[in-house]
C-alpha atoms as a PDB file:
ATOM      1  CA  MET A   1     196.014  73.013  65.420  1.00  0.00           C
ATOM      2  CA  ASN A   2     195.439  69.744  63.622  1.00  0.00           C
ATOM      3  CA  PRO A   3     198.063  68.363  61.266  1.00  0.00           C
ATOM      4  CA  PRO A   4     197.112  68.119  57.584  1.00  0.00           C
ATOM      5  CA  SER A   5     195.052  65.039  56.786  1.00  0.00           C
ATOM      6  CA  THR A   6     195.333  64.779  52.996  1.00  0.00           C
ATOM      7  CA  HIS A   7     198.357  64.088  50.883  1.00  0.00           C
ATOM      8  CA  TYR A   8     198.037  67.579  49.418  1.00  0.00           C
ATOM      9  CA  GLY A   9     197.959  69.116  52.887  1.00  0.00           C
ATOM     10  CA  LYS A  10     200.980  67.136  54.001  1.00  0.00           C
ATOM     11  CA  TYR A  11     202.798  68.176  50.822  1.00  0.00           C
ATOM     12  CA  ILE A  12     202.062  71.872  51.402  1.00  0.00           C
ATOM     13  CA  LYS A  13     203.245  71.710  55.019  1.00  0.00           C
ATOM     14  CA  GLU A  14     206.391  69.730  54.212  1.00  0.00           C
ATOM     15  CA  ARG A  15     207.313  71.529  51.001  1.00  0.00           C
ATOM     16  CA  THR A  16     206.483  75.156  51.871  1.00  0.00           C
ATOM     17  CA  GLY A  17     206.128  75.245  55.654  1.00  0.00           C
ATOM     18  CA  LYS A  18     202.689  76.803  55.252  1.00  0.00           C
ATOM     19  CA  ASN A  19     199.850  75.752  57.473  1.00  0.00           C
ATOM     20  CA  ILE A  20     196.714  74.317  55.927  1.00  0.00           C
ATOM     21  CA  LEU A  21     193.203  74.084  57.287  1.00  0.00           C
ATOM     22  CA  GLU A  22     191.308  71.314  55.527  1.00  0.00           C
ATOM     23  CA  LYS A  23     187.545  70.873  55.490  1.00  0.00           C
ATOM     24  CA  PRO A  24     185.304  68.545  53.466  1.00  0.00           C
ATOM     25  CA  TYR A  25     184.228  71.558  51.383  1.00  0.00           C
ATOM     26  CA  GLY A  26     187.592  73.286  50.903  1.00  0.00           C
ATOM     27  CA  PHE A  27     190.880  74.431  52.387  1.00  0.00           C
ATOM     28  CA  ALA A  28     192.828  77.492  53.462  1.00  0.00           C
ATOM     29  CA  THR A  29     196.584  77.995  53.487  1.00  0.00           C
ATOM     30  CA  TYR A  30     198.115  80.445  55.930  1.00  0.00           C
ATOM     31  CA  LEU A  31     201.397  81.379  57.571  1.00  0.00           C
ATOM     32  CA  PHE A  32     202.598  83.427  60.478  1.00  0.00           C
ATOM     33  CA  GLU A  33     204.891  86.377  59.837  1.00  0.00           C
ATOM     34  CA  GLY A  34     205.813  88.536  62.811  1.00  0.00           C
ATOM     35  CA  ASP A  35     202.704  89.889  64.499  1.00  0.00           C
ATOM     36  CA  TYR A  36     200.213  88.789  61.838  1.00  0.00           C
ATOM     37  CA  VAL A  37     198.772  85.735  60.172  1.00  0.00           C
ATOM     38  CA  TYR A  38     198.577  85.846  56.386  1.00  0.00           C
ATOM     39  CA  ILE A  39     195.795  83.872  54.766  1.00  0.00           C
ATOM     40  CA  GLU A  40     197.326  83.069  51.422  1.00  0.00           C
ATOM     41  CA  ASP A  41     194.487  81.089  49.862  1.00  0.00           C
ATOM     42  CA  ILE A  42     190.966  80.018  50.699  1.00  0.00           C
ATOM     43  CA  TYR A  43     189.205  77.619  48.376  1.00  0.00           C
ATOM     44  CA  VAL A  44     185.594  76.499  48.786  1.00  0.00           C
ATOM     45  CA  ASP A  45     183.860  74.065  46.407  1.00  0.00           C
ATOM     46  CA  LYS A  46     181.492  75.898  44.040  1.00  0.00           C
ATOM     47  CA  GLU A  47     178.412  74.200  45.464  1.00  0.00           C
ATOM     48  CA  ALA A  48     179.368  75.287  49.014  1.00  0.00           C
ATOM     49  CA  ARG A  49     180.046  78.961  48.237  1.00  0.00           C
ATOM     50  CA  ASN A  50     177.899  81.886  49.335  1.00  0.00           C
ATOM     51  CA  ASN A  51     177.037  80.334  52.686  1.00  0.00           C
ATOM     52  CA  THR A  52     179.816  81.605  55.022  1.00  0.00           C
ATOM     53  CA  LYS A  53     182.115  78.576  54.659  1.00  0.00           C
ATOM     54  CA  ALA A  54     185.104  80.825  53.841  1.00  0.00           C
ATOM     55  CA  SER A  55     184.278  83.037  56.834  1.00  0.00           C
ATOM     56  CA  HIS A  56     184.151  80.010  59.116  1.00  0.00           C
ATOM     57  CA  MET A  57     187.612  78.951  57.961  1.00  0.00           C
ATOM     58  CA  ALA A  58     188.938  82.501  58.463  1.00  0.00           C
ATOM     59  CA  ASP A  59     187.370  82.536  61.954  1.00  0.00           C
ATOM     60  CA  GLU A  60     189.134  79.282  62.802  1.00  0.00           C
ATOM     61  CA  ILE A  61     192.469  80.656  61.568  1.00  0.00           C
ATOM     62  CA  ALA A  62     191.867  83.826  63.619  1.00  0.00           C
ATOM     63  CA  GLU A  63     191.357  81.715  66.747  1.00  0.00           C
ATOM     64  CA  ILE A  64     194.576  79.802  66.072  1.00  0.00           C
ATOM     65  CA  ALA A  65     196.385  83.123  65.562  1.00  0.00           C
ATOM     66  CA  LYS A  66     194.993  84.649  68.761  1.00  0.00           C
ATOM     67  CA  SER A  67     196.102  81.584  70.724  1.00  0.00           C
ATOM     68  CA  LYS A  68     199.635  82.410  69.522  1.00  0.00           C
ATOM     69  CA  GLY A  69     199.337  86.074  70.545  1.00  0.00           C
ATOM     70  CA  VAL A  70     198.796  87.313  66.985  1.00  0.00           C
ATOM     71  CA  ASN A  71     196.200  90.058  66.594  1.00  0.00           C
ATOM     72  CA  LYS A  72     196.318  90.980  62.905  1.00  0.00           C
ATOM     73  CA  MET A  73     195.231  89.102  59.819  1.00  0.00           C
ATOM     74  CA  LEU A  74     196.383  89.842  56.281  1.00  0.00           C
ATOM     75  CA  GLY A  75     194.715  88.809  53.063  1.00  0.00           C
ATOM     76  CA  SER A  76     195.363  89.539  49.415  1.00  0.00           C
ATOM     77  CA  VAL A  77     193.748  89.467  46.011  1.00  0.00           C
ATOM     78  CA  CYS A  78     195.500  89.171  42.675  1.00  0.00           C
ATOM     79  CA  PRO A  79     193.227  91.197  40.372  1.00  0.00           C
ATOM     80  CA  SER A  80     194.205  89.264  37.245  1.00  0.00           C
ATOM     81  CA  THR A  81     192.985  85.889  38.551  1.00  0.00           C
ATOM     82  CA  ALA A  82     189.580  84.374  37.885  1.00  0.00           C
ATOM     83  CA  GLY A  83     187.095  85.301  40.605  1.00  0.00           C
ATOM     84  CA  ALA A  84     189.045  88.346  41.813  1.00  0.00           C
ATOM     85  CA  THR A  85     185.940  90.550  42.125  1.00  0.00           C
ATOM     86  CA  GLU A  86     184.211  87.939  44.280  1.00  0.00           C
ATOM     87  CA  SER A  87     187.342  87.582  46.418  1.00  0.00           C
ATOM     88  CA  LEU A  88     187.423  91.352  46.967  1.00  0.00           C
ATOM     89  CA  LYS A  89     183.777  91.291  48.054  1.00  0.00           C
ATOM     90  CA  VAL A  90     184.454  88.452  50.497  1.00  0.00           C
ATOM     91  CA  LEU A  91     187.437  90.197  52.098  1.00  0.00           C
ATOM     92  CA  LEU A  92     185.607  93.515  52.460  1.00  0.00           C
ATOM     93  CA  GLY A  93     182.473  91.777  53.744  1.00  0.00           C
ATOM     94  CA  TYR A  94     184.566  89.978  56.361  1.00  0.00           C
ATOM     95  CA  GLY A  95     185.852  93.321  57.652  1.00  0.00           C
ATOM     96  CA  PHE A  96     189.238  93.602  55.992  1.00  0.00           C
ATOM     97  CA  LYS A  97     190.479  97.102  55.179  1.00  0.00           C
ATOM     98  CA  LEU A  98     192.766  98.135  52.349  1.00  0.00           C
ATOM     99  CA  LEU A  99     196.423  98.060  53.405  1.00  0.00           C
ATOM    100  CA  SER A 100     198.404  98.540  50.196  1.00  0.00           C
ATOM    101  CA  SER A 101     198.683  97.610  46.568  1.00  0.00           C
ATOM    102  CA  GLU A 102     201.350  96.918  44.023  1.00  0.00           C
ATOM    103  CA  PRO A 103     201.151  95.856  40.411  1.00  0.00           C
ATOM    104  CA  ASN A 104     198.715  92.939  40.251  1.00  0.00           C
ATOM    105  CA  MET A 105     198.309  92.467  44.029  1.00  0.00           C
ATOM    106  CA  ILE A 106     196.083  94.155  46.613  1.00  0.00           C
ATOM    107  CA  TYR A 107     196.701  93.614  50.348  1.00  0.00           C
ATOM    108  CA  PHE A 108     194.168  93.896  53.146  1.00  0.00           C
ATOM    109  CA  ILE A 109     194.429  93.900  56.947  1.00  0.00           C
ATOM    110  CA  LYS A 110     192.052  93.135  59.789  1.00  0.00           C
ATOM    111  CA  GLU A 111     192.432  93.355  63.553  1.00  0.00           C
ATOM    112  CA  ILE A 112     191.414  90.086  65.231  1.00  0.00           C
END
């Protein structure tokens, strides 16, 4: 696992303890909780979307998780945010299954 390379990445790691995967086209924040890794956010530049960049980042996080003995991945979508429908499509297309929901948050799980 590479340390964050940008000031933003270093800030996230130092301030919140979350891990960050940084790429030239975007980033993903994630954290380990018990026997799963939770991908909190994935952001891909608009011009790089729809070409599996988010999936590649999720794959890389899954490999990091497996190297730590973690075999489950969690993801979430806040339905009131911009782009929520597209985020739902991405999670389902990547193989996530519905786990639970609460007001304004939907959680998904995937075995890795």
